């Protein structure tokens, strides 16, 4: 089963229920070599609906001391496809990463602001 690392909304119970139809159980972990950033929400209606002006994002900085906290979830292939649909709506794409625990997991970064 694939592992999915979330540093943002996929950690929220309501988002999990809407996206996967269940509450995910995960473990805390960290993403080394990355730092947090924000991506402006281009659609004013989406921003108003969510009460936010920016999406969370991470960017690689290749500094071993930099770590982004989050949660790693074990999900099914079908749930990974559902996560792709959820994240692609906000112009994110999935990349592989190695977590501080040594586990390999998927995570999403903004297609517009990744480097």
C-alpha atoms as a PDB file:
ATOM      1  CA  UNK A   1       0.000   0.000   0.000  1.00  0.00           C
ATOM      2  CA  UNK A   2       1.281   3.480  -0.801  1.00  0.00           C
ATOM      3  CA  UNK A   3       2.288   5.992   1.839  1.00  0.00           C
ATOM      4  CA  UNK A   4       1.111   9.596   1.597  1.00  0.00           C
ATOM      5  CA  UNK A   5       2.725  12.455   3.518  1.00  0.00           C
ATOM      6  CA  UNK A   6       0.536  15.462   4.270  1.00  0.00           C
ATOM      7  CA  UNK A   7       1.627  18.790   5.679  1.00  0.00           C
ATOM      8  CA  UNK A   8      -1.683  20.500   4.937  1.00  0.00           C
ATOM      9  CA  UNK A   9      -5.394  19.958   4.425  1.00  0.00           C
ATOM     10  CA  UNK A  10      -5.287  16.185   3.917  1.00  0.00           C
ATOM     11  CA  UNK A  11      -4.625  15.988   7.671  1.00  0.00           C
ATOM     12  CA  UNK A  12      -8.077  17.463   8.352  1.00  0.00           C
ATOM     13  CA  UNK A  13     -10.858  15.012   9.188  1.00  0.00           C
ATOM     14  CA  UNK A  14     -13.448  16.801   7.026  1.00  0.00           C
ATOM     15  CA  UNK A  15     -11.180  16.757   3.985  1.00  0.00           C
ATOM     16  CA  UNK A  16     -10.413  13.068   4.549  1.00  0.00           C
ATOM     17  CA  UNK A  17     -14.099  12.166   4.809  1.00  0.00           C
ATOM     18  CA  UNK A  18     -14.935  14.128   1.650  1.00  0.00           C
ATOM     19  CA  UNK A  19     -11.947  12.775  -0.307  1.00  0.00           C
ATOM     20  CA  UNK A  20     -11.652   9.181   0.919  1.00  0.00           C
ATOM     21  CA  UNK A  21     -14.977   8.475   2.624  1.00  0.00           C
ATOM     22  CA  UNK A  22     -13.188   7.650   5.866  1.00  0.00           C
ATOM     23  CA  UNK A  23     -10.946   9.130   8.508  1.00  0.00           C
ATOM     24  CA  UNK A  24      -7.306   8.185   7.914  1.00  0.00           C
ATOM     25  CA  UNK A  25      -5.035   7.009  10.708  1.00  0.00           C
ATOM     26  CA  UNK A  26      -1.491   8.257  10.420  1.00  0.00           C
ATOM     27  CA  UNK A  27       1.772   8.799  12.210  1.00  0.00           C
ATOM     28  CA  UNK A  28       3.679  12.013  12.722  1.00  0.00           C
ATOM     29  CA  UNK A  29       6.780  12.381  10.562  1.00  0.00           C
ATOM     30  CA  UNK A  30       8.861  15.114   8.983  1.00  0.00           C
ATOM     31  CA  UNK A  31       9.981  16.047   5.484  1.00  0.00           C
ATOM     32  CA  UNK A  32      13.696  16.920   5.531  1.00  0.00           C
ATOM     33  CA  UNK A  33      15.271  19.305   3.042  1.00  0.00           C
ATOM     34  CA  UNK A  34      12.057  21.285   2.501  1.00  0.00           C
ATOM     35  CA  UNK A  35      10.526  24.459   3.905  1.00  0.00           C
ATOM     36  CA  UNK A  36       6.961  25.734   4.099  1.00  0.00           C
ATOM     37  CA  UNK A  37       5.654  28.280   1.631  1.00  0.00           C
ATOM     38  CA  UNK A  38       2.287  29.629   0.553  1.00  0.00           C
ATOM     39  CA  UNK A  39       0.599  29.698  -2.841  1.00  0.00           C
ATOM     40  CA  UNK A  40      -2.055  32.349  -3.545  1.00  0.00           C
ATOM     41  CA  UNK A  41      -5.513  30.936  -4.274  1.00  0.00           C
ATOM     42  CA  UNK A  42      -6.337  32.292  -7.735  1.00  0.00           C
ATOM     43  CA  UNK A  43     -10.097  31.642  -7.616  1.00  0.00           C
ATOM     44  CA  UNK A  44     -11.808  34.230  -5.366  1.00  0.00           C
ATOM     45  CA  UNK A  45     -14.835  31.956  -4.867  1.00  0.00           C
ATOM     46  CA  UNK A  46     -12.589  29.095  -3.694  1.00  0.00           C
ATOM     47  CA  UNK A  47     -10.740  31.451  -1.365  1.00  0.00           C
ATOM     48  CA  UNK A  48     -14.024  32.732   0.092  1.00  0.00           C
ATOM     49  CA  UNK A  49     -15.439  29.220   0.511  1.00  0.00           C
ATOM     50  CA  UNK A  50     -12.353  28.045   2.391  1.00  0.00           C
ATOM     51  CA  UNK A  51     -11.840  31.266   4.315  1.00  0.00           C
ATOM     52  CA  UNK A  52      -8.230  31.378   3.156  1.00  0.00           C
ATOM     53  CA  UNK A  53      -6.272  33.421   0.620  1.00  0.00           C
ATOM     54  CA  UNK A  54      -3.392  30.919   0.247  1.00  0.00           C
ATOM     55  CA  UNK A  55      -2.780  27.168  -0.037  1.00  0.00           C
ATOM     56  CA  UNK A  56      -0.026  25.538   2.025  1.00  0.00           C
ATOM     57  CA  UNK A  57       2.966  24.400   0.018  1.00  0.00           C
ATOM     58  CA  UNK A  58       6.521  23.174   0.505  1.00  0.00           C
ATOM     59  CA  UNK A  59       9.614  23.830  -1.572  1.00  0.00           C
ATOM     60  CA  UNK A  60      12.901  22.007  -1.570  1.00  0.00           C
ATOM     61  CA  UNK A  61      15.832  23.901  -0.102  1.00  0.00           C
ATOM     62  CA  UNK A  62      18.224  20.925   0.184  1.00  0.00           C
ATOM     63  CA  UNK A  63      19.157  21.882   3.758  1.00  0.00           C
ATOM     64  CA  UNK A  64      19.294  18.828   6.005  1.00  0.00           C
ATOM     65  CA  UNK A  65      18.343  20.922   9.039  1.00  0.00           C
ATOM     66  CA  UNK A  66      15.113  22.119   7.386  1.00  0.00           C
ATOM     67  CA  UNK A  67      12.110  19.942   8.184  1.00  0.00           C
ATOM     68  CA  UNK A  68       8.407  20.270   7.566  1.00  0.00           C
ATOM     69  CA  UNK A  69       6.215  18.456  10.102  1.00  0.00           C
ATOM     70  CA  UNK A  70       3.211  16.468   8.960  1.00  0.00           C
ATOM     71  CA  UNK A  71       1.519  13.104   8.989  1.00  0.00           C
ATOM     72  CA  UNK A  72       2.180   9.983   6.942  1.00  0.00           C
ATOM     73  CA  UNK A  73      -0.807   7.829   6.026  1.00  0.00           C
ATOM     74  CA  UNK A  74      -1.032   4.321   4.579  1.00  0.00           C
ATOM     75  CA  UNK A  75      -3.703   4.447   1.883  1.00  0.00           C
ATOM     76  CA  UNK A  76      -4.984   2.284  -0.953  1.00  0.00           C
ATOM     77  CA  UNK A  77      -4.216   2.798  -4.641  1.00  0.00           C
ATOM     78  CA  UNK A  78      -7.817   3.984  -5.132  1.00  0.00           C
ATOM     79  CA  UNK A  79      -7.379   6.516  -2.313  1.00  0.00           C
ATOM     80  CA  UNK A  80      -4.141   7.743  -3.890  1.00  0.00           C
ATOM     81  CA  UNK A  81      -6.082   8.344  -7.121  1.00  0.00           C
ATOM     82  CA  UNK A  82      -8.713  10.247  -5.097  1.00  0.00           C
ATOM     83  CA  UNK A  83      -5.949  12.346  -3.507  1.00  0.00           C
ATOM     84  CA  UNK A  84      -4.601  13.102  -6.997  1.00  0.00           C
ATOM     85  CA  UNK A  85      -8.025  14.427  -8.035  1.00  0.00           C
ATOM     86  CA  UNK A  86      -8.329  16.508  -4.872  1.00  0.00           C
ATOM     87  CA  UNK A  87      -4.849  18.037  -5.190  1.00  0.00           C
ATOM     88  CA  UNK A  88      -4.940  18.520  -8.976  1.00  0.00           C
ATOM     89  CA  UNK A  89      -7.966  20.788  -8.497  1.00  0.00           C
ATOM     90  CA  UNK A  90      -5.562  23.218  -6.794  1.00  0.00           C
ATOM     91  CA  UNK A  91      -2.795  22.697  -9.429  1.00  0.00           C
ATOM     92  CA  UNK A  92      -0.657  20.425  -7.245  1.00  0.00           C
ATOM     93  CA  UNK A  93       1.252  17.408  -8.470  1.00  0.00           C
ATOM     94  CA  UNK A  94       2.546  14.334  -6.661  1.00  0.00           C
ATOM     95  CA  UNK A  95       6.260  13.707  -6.094  1.00  0.00           C
ATOM     96  CA  UNK A  96       8.168  10.998  -4.188  1.00  0.00           C
ATOM     97  CA  UNK A  97      10.132  11.877  -1.057  1.00  0.00           C
ATOM     98  CA  UNK A  98      12.083  10.239   1.738  1.00  0.00           C
ATOM     99  CA  UNK A  99      10.824  11.175   5.185  1.00  0.00           C
ATOM    100  CA  UNK A 100      12.861  11.693   8.350  1.00  0.00           C
ATOM    101  CA  UNK A 101      11.797   8.189   9.461  1.00  0.00           C
ATOM    102  CA  UNK A 102      13.449   6.760   6.324  1.00  0.00           C
ATOM    103  CA  UNK A 103      10.105   5.782   4.784  1.00  0.00           C
ATOM    104  CA  UNK A 104       9.372   6.648   1.162  1.00  0.00           C
ATOM    105  CA  UNK A 105       6.093   8.463   0.620  1.00  0.00           C
ATOM    106  CA  UNK A 106       4.218  10.536  -1.912  1.00  0.00           C
ATOM    107  CA  UNK A 107       3.528  14.217  -1.272  1.00  0.00           C
ATOM    108  CA  UNK A 108       1.960  17.063  -3.186  1.00  0.00           C
ATOM    109  CA  UNK A 109       3.600  20.347  -4.163  1.00  0.00           C
ATOM    110  CA  UNK A 110       2.287  23.255  -6.150  1.00  0.00           C
ATOM    111  CA  UNK A 111       2.957  22.863  -9.856  1.00  0.00           C
ATOM    112  CA  UNK A 112       3.178  26.655 -10.065  1.00  0.00           C
ATOM    113  CA  UNK A 113       5.652  27.244  -7.242  1.00  0.00           C
ATOM    114  CA  UNK A 114       7.832  24.154  -6.903  1.00  0.00           C
ATOM    115  CA  UNK A 115      11.519  24.273  -7.631  1.00  0.00           C
END
